[in-house]
N, C-alpha and C. Protein backbone atom coordinates (compact mmCIF):
# COMPACT_ATOMS: atom_id res chain seq x y z
N MET A 1 0.85 -1.15 0.00
CA MET A 1 0.00 0.00 0.00
C MET A 1 0.90 1.23 0.00
N LYS A 2 0.61 2.19 -0.86
CA LYS A 2 1.37 3.44 -0.91
C LYS A 2 0.60 4.52 -0.17
N LEU A 3 1.33 5.31 0.63
CA LEU A 3 0.75 6.42 1.38
C LEU A 3 1.64 7.63 1.25
N TRP A 4 1.05 8.81 1.43
CA TRP A 4 1.82 10.06 1.47
C TRP A 4 1.80 10.51 2.91
N VAL A 5 2.98 10.64 3.53
CA VAL A 5 3.09 10.93 4.96
C VAL A 5 3.80 12.27 5.15
N THR A 6 3.23 13.11 6.03
CA THR A 6 3.88 14.35 6.45
C THR A 6 4.14 14.23 7.94
N LEU A 7 5.42 14.31 8.32
CA LEU A 7 5.83 14.20 9.72
C LEU A 7 6.95 15.18 9.96
N GLN A 8 6.81 16.04 10.95
CA GLN A 8 7.80 17.06 11.28
C GLN A 8 8.11 17.94 10.07
N GLY A 9 7.06 18.26 9.30
CA GLY A 9 7.23 19.16 8.17
C GLY A 9 7.85 18.53 6.94
N LYS A 10 8.19 17.25 7.01
CA LYS A 10 8.79 16.56 5.87
C LYS A 10 7.75 15.65 5.24
N GLU A 11 7.65 15.73 3.91
CA GLU A 11 6.70 14.92 3.18
C GLU A 11 7.43 13.81 2.43
N ALA A 12 6.81 12.63 2.39
CA ALA A 12 7.41 11.51 1.65
C ALA A 12 6.34 10.51 1.27
N GLU A 13 6.56 9.88 0.12
CA GLU A 13 5.70 8.77 -0.27
C GLU A 13 6.30 7.52 0.36
N VAL A 14 5.47 6.75 1.03
CA VAL A 14 5.93 5.56 1.74
C VAL A 14 5.12 4.35 1.27
N GLU A 15 5.83 3.30 0.90
CA GLU A 15 5.16 2.05 0.55
C GLU A 15 5.30 1.11 1.73
N ILE A 16 4.16 0.62 2.22
CA ILE A 16 4.16 -0.22 3.43
C ILE A 16 3.45 -1.54 3.13
N ARG A 17 4.04 -2.62 3.66
CA ARG A 17 3.35 -3.91 3.60
C ARG A 17 3.66 -4.66 4.89
N THR A 18 2.71 -5.45 5.32
CA THR A 18 2.91 -6.27 6.52
C THR A 18 2.83 -7.73 6.11
N GLU A 19 3.60 -8.52 6.83
CA GLU A 19 3.65 -9.95 6.57
C GLU A 19 3.96 -10.63 7.89
N GLY A 20 3.00 -11.36 8.40
CA GLY A 20 3.20 -11.99 9.71
C GLY A 20 3.40 -10.92 10.76
N GLY A 21 4.42 -11.03 11.55
CA GLY A 21 4.73 -10.04 12.58
C GLY A 21 5.76 -9.03 12.14
N LYS A 22 5.87 -8.81 10.82
CA LYS A 22 6.86 -7.86 10.31
C LYS A 22 6.16 -6.79 9.49
N VAL A 23 6.76 -5.60 9.49
CA VAL A 23 6.31 -4.51 8.63
C VAL A 23 7.51 -4.09 7.79
N TYR A 24 7.26 -3.84 6.52
CA TYR A 24 8.29 -3.41 5.59
C TYR A 24 7.88 -2.05 5.04
N ALA A 25 8.79 -1.08 5.10
CA ALA A 25 8.51 0.26 4.59
C ALA A 25 9.63 0.67 3.65
N VAL A 26 9.26 1.31 2.54
CA VAL A 26 10.23 1.81 1.58
C VAL A 26 9.90 3.27 1.32
N THR A 27 10.89 4.15 1.50
CA THR A 27 10.73 5.57 1.21
C THR A 27 12.06 6.14 0.75
N ASP A 28 12.03 6.99 -0.23
CA ASP A 28 13.23 7.63 -0.77
C ASP A 28 14.33 6.62 -1.07
N GLY A 29 13.95 5.45 -1.58
CA GLY A 29 14.93 4.42 -1.92
C GLY A 29 15.50 3.67 -0.73
N ARG A 30 15.02 3.96 0.46
CA ARG A 30 15.52 3.33 1.69
C ARG A 30 14.48 2.33 2.21
N SER A 31 14.93 1.13 2.54
CA SER A 31 14.03 0.09 3.06
C SER A 31 14.24 -0.08 4.55
N ILE A 32 13.13 -0.25 5.25
CA ILE A 32 13.18 -0.52 6.70
C ILE A 32 12.34 -1.76 6.95
N GLU A 33 12.90 -2.68 7.72
CA GLU A 33 12.19 -3.89 8.12
C GLU A 33 12.11 -3.88 9.63
N ALA A 34 10.93 -4.16 10.18
CA ALA A 34 10.78 -4.16 11.63
C ALA A 34 9.86 -5.28 12.07
N ASP A 35 10.23 -5.91 13.18
CA ASP A 35 9.30 -6.80 13.86
C ASP A 35 8.38 -5.89 14.64
N PHE A 36 7.08 -6.19 14.65
CA PHE A 36 6.20 -5.32 15.41
C PHE A 36 5.09 -6.10 16.10
N VAL A 37 4.67 -5.55 17.23
CA VAL A 37 3.58 -6.12 18.01
C VAL A 37 2.68 -4.96 18.42
N ARG A 38 1.40 -5.11 18.18
CA ARG A 38 0.43 -4.11 18.64
C ARG A 38 0.07 -4.47 20.07
N LEU A 39 0.27 -3.54 21.01
CA LEU A 39 0.02 -3.81 22.42
C LEU A 39 -1.48 -3.71 22.70
N PRO A 40 -1.94 -4.27 23.83
CA PRO A 40 -3.37 -4.42 24.09
C PRO A 40 -4.21 -3.14 24.03
N ASP A 41 -3.65 -1.97 24.34
CA ASP A 41 -4.50 -0.76 24.33
C ASP A 41 -4.86 -0.32 22.91
N GLY A 42 -4.22 -0.91 21.89
CA GLY A 42 -4.58 -0.64 20.51
C GLY A 42 -3.89 0.55 19.87
N GLU A 43 -3.31 1.46 20.67
CA GLU A 43 -2.63 2.63 20.12
C GLU A 43 -1.12 2.52 20.19
N VAL A 44 -0.61 1.56 20.95
CA VAL A 44 0.83 1.46 21.18
C VAL A 44 1.39 0.24 20.45
N TYR A 45 2.54 0.45 19.81
CA TYR A 45 3.21 -0.61 19.06
C TYR A 45 4.63 -0.75 19.58
N SER A 46 5.09 -1.96 19.66
CA SER A 46 6.48 -2.24 19.99
C SER A 46 7.16 -2.65 18.69
N LEU A 47 8.20 -1.88 18.30
CA LEU A 47 8.93 -2.15 17.06
C LEU A 47 10.36 -2.54 17.38
N LEU A 48 10.88 -3.51 16.65
CA LEU A 48 12.28 -3.90 16.77
C LEU A 48 12.92 -3.64 15.41
N ILE A 49 13.78 -2.60 15.35
CA ILE A 49 14.42 -2.20 14.10
C ILE A 49 15.93 -2.27 14.30
N ASP A 50 16.60 -3.07 13.49
CA ASP A 50 18.05 -3.24 13.58
C ASP A 50 18.50 -3.54 15.01
N GLY A 51 17.75 -4.38 15.71
CA GLY A 51 18.13 -4.79 17.05
C GLY A 51 17.80 -3.79 18.14
N ARG A 52 17.20 -2.64 17.79
CA ARG A 52 16.83 -1.63 18.79
C ARG A 52 15.32 -1.60 18.96
N SER A 53 14.88 -1.57 20.19
CA SER A 53 13.46 -1.58 20.51
C SER A 53 12.92 -0.15 20.57
N HIS A 54 11.73 0.06 20.00
CA HIS A 54 11.07 1.36 20.01
C HIS A 54 9.61 1.15 20.38
N VAL A 55 9.11 2.00 21.28
CA VAL A 55 7.69 1.97 21.62
C VAL A 55 7.08 3.21 20.98
N VAL A 56 6.07 3.00 20.15
CA VAL A 56 5.46 4.09 19.38
C VAL A 56 3.96 4.08 19.63
N ARG A 57 3.42 5.26 19.98
CA ARG A 57 1.97 5.39 20.14
C ARG A 57 1.43 6.16 18.95
N VAL A 58 0.39 5.63 18.34
CA VAL A 58 -0.26 6.28 17.20
C VAL A 58 -1.73 6.42 17.55
N ALA A 59 -2.22 7.67 17.62
CA ALA A 59 -3.60 7.91 18.01
C ALA A 59 -4.28 8.86 17.02
N PRO A 60 -5.55 8.60 16.72
CA PRO A 60 -6.27 9.53 15.84
C PRO A 60 -6.58 10.84 16.55
N VAL A 61 -6.42 11.95 15.83
CA VAL A 61 -6.75 13.28 16.34
C VAL A 61 -7.42 14.02 15.19
N ALA A 62 -8.69 14.35 15.37
CA ALA A 62 -9.47 14.98 14.30
C ALA A 62 -9.34 14.13 13.04
N SER A 63 -8.87 14.72 11.93
CA SER A 63 -8.74 13.96 10.69
C SER A 63 -7.31 13.48 10.46
N ASP A 64 -6.42 13.67 11.45
CA ASP A 64 -5.03 13.29 11.30
C ASP A 64 -4.63 12.31 12.40
N LEU A 65 -3.32 12.18 12.60
CA LEU A 65 -2.79 11.28 13.62
C LEU A 65 -1.83 12.03 14.52
N GLU A 66 -1.61 11.44 15.68
CA GLU A 66 -0.61 11.93 16.61
C GLU A 66 0.33 10.76 16.85
N VAL A 67 1.63 10.97 16.63
CA VAL A 67 2.62 9.92 16.80
C VAL A 67 3.53 10.31 17.96
N GLU A 68 3.68 9.40 18.93
CA GLU A 68 4.54 9.67 20.08
C GLU A 68 5.70 8.69 20.08
N VAL A 69 6.93 9.24 20.10
CA VAL A 69 8.15 8.44 20.15
C VAL A 69 9.07 9.08 21.16
N HIS A 70 9.56 8.33 22.12
CA HIS A 70 10.49 8.82 23.14
C HIS A 70 9.98 10.08 23.85
N GLY A 71 8.68 10.11 24.18
CA GLY A 71 8.12 11.23 24.92
C GLY A 71 7.76 12.44 24.09
N HIS A 72 8.00 12.41 22.81
CA HIS A 72 7.67 13.53 21.93
C HIS A 72 6.40 13.18 21.14
N ILE A 73 5.46 14.12 21.11
CA ILE A 73 4.27 13.94 20.30
C ILE A 73 4.42 14.77 19.04
N MET A 74 4.19 14.12 17.90
CA MET A 74 4.32 14.81 16.61
C MET A 74 3.02 14.62 15.83
N PRO A 75 2.42 15.70 15.38
CA PRO A 75 1.27 15.55 14.51
C PRO A 75 1.72 14.94 13.18
N ALA A 76 0.89 14.08 12.63
CA ALA A 76 1.24 13.42 11.36
C ALA A 76 0.01 13.41 10.46
N GLU A 77 0.27 13.59 9.19
CA GLU A 77 -0.77 13.44 8.18
C GLU A 77 -0.44 12.21 7.35
N VAL A 78 -1.43 11.40 7.11
CA VAL A 78 -1.25 10.23 6.25
C VAL A 78 -2.35 10.30 5.21
N ARG A 79 -1.95 10.35 3.97
CA ARG A 79 -2.90 10.51 2.87
C ARG A 79 -2.62 9.48 1.78
N HIS A 80 -3.63 9.15 1.05
CA HIS A 80 -3.49 8.34 -0.15
C HIS A 80 -2.84 9.24 -1.20
N PRO A 81 -1.95 8.70 -2.06
CA PRO A 81 -1.30 9.55 -3.07
C PRO A 81 -2.30 10.30 -3.96
N LEU A 82 -3.46 9.73 -4.24
CA LEU A 82 -4.47 10.42 -5.05
C LEU A 82 -4.99 11.66 -4.31
N GLU A 83 -5.22 11.52 -2.99
CA GLU A 83 -5.65 12.67 -2.19
C GLU A 83 -4.59 13.75 -2.18
N LYS A 84 -3.33 13.36 -2.08
CA LYS A 84 -2.21 14.31 -2.12
C LYS A 84 -2.20 15.07 -3.44
N MET A 85 -2.39 14.35 -4.55
CA MET A 85 -2.40 14.98 -5.86
C MET A 85 -3.56 15.98 -5.96
N LEU A 86 -4.73 15.62 -5.46
CA LEU A 86 -5.88 16.52 -5.50
C LEU A 86 -5.64 17.77 -4.64
N MET A 87 -4.98 17.60 -3.49
CA MET A 87 -4.65 18.75 -2.63
C MET A 87 -3.72 19.71 -3.37
N GLN A 88 -2.72 19.15 -4.07
CA GLN A 88 -1.77 20.00 -4.80
C GLN A 88 -2.46 20.77 -5.91
N GLN A 89 -3.37 20.12 -6.62
CA GLN A 89 -4.06 20.78 -7.71
C GLN A 89 -5.04 21.84 -7.21
N SER A 90 -5.54 21.67 -5.98
CA SER A 90 -6.49 22.64 -5.44
C SER A 90 -5.80 23.73 -4.62
N GLY A 91 -4.46 23.67 -4.54
CA GLY A 91 -3.71 24.69 -3.79
C GLY A 91 -3.60 24.40 -2.31
N GLY A 92 -4.04 23.21 -1.85
CA GLY A 92 -3.94 22.85 -0.43
C GLY A 92 -2.49 22.64 -0.04
N ARG A 93 -2.18 22.84 1.23
CA ARG A 93 -0.81 22.65 1.72
C ARG A 93 -0.82 21.78 2.96
N ALA A 94 0.25 21.04 3.15
CA ALA A 94 0.39 20.24 4.37
C ALA A 94 0.56 21.18 5.55
N ARG A 95 0.06 20.75 6.70
CA ARG A 95 0.13 21.59 7.90
C ARG A 95 1.17 21.06 8.88
N ASN A 96 1.88 21.97 9.52
CA ASN A 96 2.76 21.63 10.63
C ASN A 96 2.02 22.09 11.87
N LEU A 97 1.57 21.16 12.70
CA LEU A 97 0.68 21.51 13.79
C LEU A 97 1.38 21.74 15.12
N GLY A 98 2.70 21.62 15.17
CA GLY A 98 3.41 21.88 16.41
C GLY A 98 3.91 20.62 17.09
N GLU A 99 4.17 20.75 18.39
CA GLU A 99 4.78 19.65 19.14
C GLU A 99 4.34 19.74 20.59
N THR A 100 4.15 18.59 21.23
CA THR A 100 3.90 18.52 22.66
C THR A 100 5.00 17.67 23.26
N MET A 101 5.70 18.20 24.27
CA MET A 101 6.75 17.45 24.96
C MET A 101 6.08 16.71 26.12
N ASN A 102 6.15 15.39 26.09
CA ASN A 102 5.60 14.56 27.15
C ASN A 102 6.71 14.00 28.01
N ALA A 103 6.37 13.67 29.24
CA ALA A 103 7.33 13.02 30.13
C ALA A 103 7.60 11.62 29.59
N PRO A 104 8.87 11.25 29.37
CA PRO A 104 9.17 9.92 28.83
C PRO A 104 8.95 8.80 29.84
N MET A 105 8.96 9.16 31.15
CA MET A 105 8.78 8.18 32.22
C MET A 105 8.37 8.94 33.48
N PRO A 106 7.89 8.24 34.52
CA PRO A 106 7.55 8.94 35.76
C PRO A 106 8.80 9.60 36.35
N GLY A 107 8.63 10.76 36.95
CA GLY A 107 9.76 11.46 37.54
C GLY A 107 9.34 12.77 38.16
N VAL A 108 10.31 13.68 38.31
CA VAL A 108 10.08 14.99 38.90
C VAL A 108 10.72 16.04 38.00
N VAL A 109 9.98 17.13 37.74
CA VAL A 109 10.51 18.22 36.92
C VAL A 109 11.59 18.93 37.74
N VAL A 110 12.80 19.01 37.20
CA VAL A 110 13.90 19.67 37.88
C VAL A 110 13.99 21.13 37.44
N THR A 111 14.02 21.36 36.13
CA THR A 111 14.18 22.71 35.58
C THR A 111 13.34 22.86 34.32
N ILE A 112 12.69 24.01 34.21
CA ILE A 112 12.01 24.37 32.97
C ILE A 112 12.84 25.51 32.38
N ARG A 113 13.38 25.30 31.19
CA ARG A 113 14.32 26.26 30.61
C ARG A 113 13.68 27.25 29.64
N VAL A 114 12.36 27.23 29.53
CA VAL A 114 11.66 28.14 28.62
C VAL A 114 10.46 28.73 29.35
N LYS A 115 9.90 29.78 28.74
CA LYS A 115 8.64 30.34 29.25
C LYS A 115 7.71 30.55 28.05
N VAL A 116 6.44 30.74 28.32
CA VAL A 116 5.46 30.94 27.25
C VAL A 116 5.90 32.13 26.40
N GLY A 117 5.88 31.92 25.09
CA GLY A 117 6.27 32.97 24.14
C GLY A 117 7.69 32.83 23.64
N ASP A 118 8.52 32.02 24.32
CA ASP A 118 9.90 31.83 23.87
C ASP A 118 9.94 31.12 22.51
N VAL A 119 10.85 31.56 21.66
CA VAL A 119 11.10 30.88 20.39
C VAL A 119 12.18 29.84 20.66
N VAL A 120 11.90 28.60 20.26
CA VAL A 120 12.77 27.46 20.54
C VAL A 120 13.32 26.91 19.22
N ALA A 121 14.60 26.61 19.20
CA ALA A 121 15.24 26.01 18.03
C ALA A 121 15.17 24.49 18.13
N ALA A 122 15.16 23.82 16.99
CA ALA A 122 15.19 22.35 16.98
C ALA A 122 16.44 21.89 17.72
N GLY A 123 16.27 20.93 18.62
CA GLY A 123 17.40 20.39 19.38
C GLY A 123 17.71 21.15 20.66
N GLN A 124 17.01 22.26 20.89
CA GLN A 124 17.26 23.07 22.10
C GLN A 124 16.66 22.37 23.31
N ALA A 125 17.43 22.27 24.41
CA ALA A 125 16.94 21.69 25.65
C ALA A 125 15.88 22.62 26.24
N ILE A 126 14.73 22.05 26.61
CA ILE A 126 13.66 22.90 27.13
C ILE A 126 13.20 22.52 28.53
N ILE A 127 13.49 21.30 28.98
CA ILE A 127 13.05 20.87 30.31
C ILE A 127 13.96 19.74 30.79
N VAL A 128 14.15 19.65 32.10
CA VAL A 128 14.94 18.57 32.69
C VAL A 128 14.03 17.82 33.66
N VAL A 129 13.97 16.49 33.49
CA VAL A 129 13.15 15.64 34.35
C VAL A 129 14.06 14.62 35.01
N GLU A 130 13.94 14.48 36.32
CA GLU A 130 14.72 13.47 37.04
C GLU A 130 13.89 12.21 37.19
N ALA A 131 14.46 11.10 36.79
CA ALA A 131 13.80 9.81 36.91
C ALA A 131 14.85 8.78 37.31
N MET A 132 14.56 7.99 38.30
CA MET A 132 15.48 6.94 38.77
C MET A 132 16.86 7.52 39.08
N LYS A 133 16.87 8.67 39.76
CA LYS A 133 18.09 9.36 40.21
C LYS A 133 18.97 9.85 39.06
N MET A 134 18.41 9.95 37.85
CA MET A 134 19.15 10.48 36.70
C MET A 134 18.38 11.67 36.14
N GLN A 135 19.12 12.72 35.79
CA GLN A 135 18.48 13.88 35.18
C GLN A 135 18.49 13.73 33.67
N ASN A 136 17.31 13.85 33.06
CA ASN A 136 17.13 13.70 31.62
C ASN A 136 16.80 15.06 31.03
N GLU A 137 17.70 15.57 30.19
CA GLU A 137 17.50 16.84 29.52
C GLU A 137 16.73 16.56 28.23
N LEU A 138 15.53 17.12 28.12
CA LEU A 138 14.68 16.86 26.96
C LEU A 138 14.70 18.05 26.03
N ALA A 139 14.86 17.77 24.73
CA ALA A 139 15.01 18.82 23.73
C ALA A 139 13.85 18.79 22.73
N ALA A 140 13.58 19.94 22.14
CA ALA A 140 12.55 20.06 21.11
C ALA A 140 12.99 19.31 19.86
N LEU A 141 12.06 18.64 19.21
CA LEU A 141 12.39 17.94 17.97
C LEU A 141 12.52 18.91 16.82
N HIS A 142 11.71 19.97 16.83
CA HIS A 142 11.80 20.99 15.78
C HIS A 142 11.50 22.35 16.41
N GLY A 143 11.84 23.40 15.69
CA GLY A 143 11.67 24.75 16.22
C GLY A 143 10.22 25.14 16.35
N GLY A 144 9.97 26.15 17.18
CA GLY A 144 8.61 26.64 17.37
C GLY A 144 8.55 27.67 18.46
N VAL A 145 7.33 28.00 18.87
CA VAL A 145 7.09 28.97 19.93
C VAL A 145 6.35 28.26 21.05
N VAL A 146 6.81 28.44 22.28
CA VAL A 146 6.19 27.82 23.44
C VAL A 146 4.82 28.47 23.66
N THR A 147 3.76 27.63 23.68
CA THR A 147 2.41 28.15 23.88
C THR A 147 1.85 27.83 25.26
N ASP A 148 2.28 26.71 25.85
CA ASP A 148 1.76 26.30 27.16
C ASP A 148 2.84 25.58 27.94
N ILE A 149 2.92 25.87 29.22
CA ILE A 149 3.75 25.10 30.15
C ILE A 149 2.77 24.49 31.13
N LEU A 150 2.69 23.17 31.13
CA LEU A 150 1.64 22.46 31.84
C LEU A 150 2.09 21.85 33.16
N VAL A 151 3.36 22.08 33.53
CA VAL A 151 3.91 21.55 34.77
C VAL A 151 4.70 22.64 35.48
N ALA A 152 5.08 22.38 36.72
CA ALA A 152 5.89 23.32 37.49
C ALA A 152 7.16 22.62 37.94
N GLU A 153 8.19 23.41 38.23
CA GLU A 153 9.42 22.82 38.77
C GLU A 153 9.11 22.14 40.10
N ARG A 154 9.80 21.04 40.34
CA ARG A 154 9.66 20.18 41.52
C ARG A 154 8.33 19.42 41.56
N ALA A 155 7.54 19.48 40.48
CA ALA A 155 6.28 18.74 40.42
C ALA A 155 6.51 17.33 39.89
N PRO A 156 5.81 16.34 40.44
CA PRO A 156 5.92 14.99 39.89
C PRO A 156 5.18 14.91 38.55
N VAL A 157 5.68 14.05 37.65
CA VAL A 157 5.03 13.81 36.36
C VAL A 157 4.92 12.31 36.15
N SER A 158 3.90 11.90 35.44
CA SER A 158 3.73 10.49 35.11
C SER A 158 4.16 10.26 33.66
N ALA A 159 4.44 9.04 33.31
CA ALA A 159 4.86 8.71 31.95
C ALA A 159 3.78 9.14 30.96
N GLY A 160 4.20 9.86 29.92
CA GLY A 160 3.28 10.31 28.89
C GLY A 160 2.54 11.60 29.20
N GLN A 161 2.75 12.15 30.39
CA GLN A 161 2.05 13.38 30.78
C GLN A 161 2.56 14.56 29.94
N PRO A 162 1.66 15.31 29.31
CA PRO A 162 2.08 16.51 28.56
C PRO A 162 2.71 17.54 29.51
N MET A 163 3.85 18.10 29.09
CA MET A 163 4.55 19.08 29.93
C MET A 163 4.63 20.45 29.27
N ILE A 164 5.00 20.49 27.98
CA ILE A 164 5.17 21.76 27.26
C ILE A 164 4.59 21.61 25.87
N LYS A 165 3.84 22.63 25.44
CA LYS A 165 3.28 22.63 24.07
C LYS A 165 3.92 23.75 23.29
N MET A 166 4.16 23.49 21.99
CA MET A 166 4.71 24.49 21.09
C MET A 166 3.94 24.49 19.80
N LYS A 167 3.96 25.63 19.11
CA LYS A 167 3.40 25.69 17.77
C LYS A 167 4.51 26.13 16.84
N PRO A 168 4.37 25.88 15.53
CA PRO A 168 5.41 26.29 14.59
C PRO A 168 5.63 27.79 14.66
N ALA A 169 6.87 28.22 14.47
CA ALA A 169 7.21 29.65 14.55
C ALA A 169 6.40 30.48 13.59
N GLU A 170 6.13 29.96 12.37
CA GLU A 170 5.38 30.74 11.39
C GLU A 170 3.93 30.93 11.81
N ALA A 171 3.43 30.09 12.76
CA ALA A 171 2.05 30.23 13.23
C ALA A 171 1.94 31.25 14.36
N ALA A 172 3.08 31.78 14.81
CA ALA A 172 3.09 32.70 15.95
C ALA A 172 2.62 34.09 15.59
N VAL A 173 2.61 34.45 14.31
CA VAL A 173 2.29 35.81 13.89
C VAL A 173 0.83 36.10 14.07
């Protein structure tokens, strides 16, 4: 099955097929093979790619999807190539909907390095969470503007709890 996927502002045509407990994806001439298991809640998948384990949550949001990997939530669009072609001919554009930083595991917020309205660069550290006596510095996956801070310093957080929301910088105007 061929799909047109927009994730983190990047668009690509992806061919996907499943066979048994494996998924095969081909995009931009690159092939990925993964063992996968859909976990009981129906939104979470365990993937084994090149010997590395990844837990990925995929949830429907309005007419699109939300993909969570390593505590980061990324809006995603998945379209049939025909729908993509029709959007292009009608002048439609793919949307970058922003990012929500979630706690990767239970812990305590140590430091919040941003405030509402701050412009954040991709890769910039924005919050530090202590879990299991280790401090984890969490960085933005892509640039944007901080719209909400949903936690306070020294507050406990649970795994998957939203902590900071951002929107794309171009949406800030």
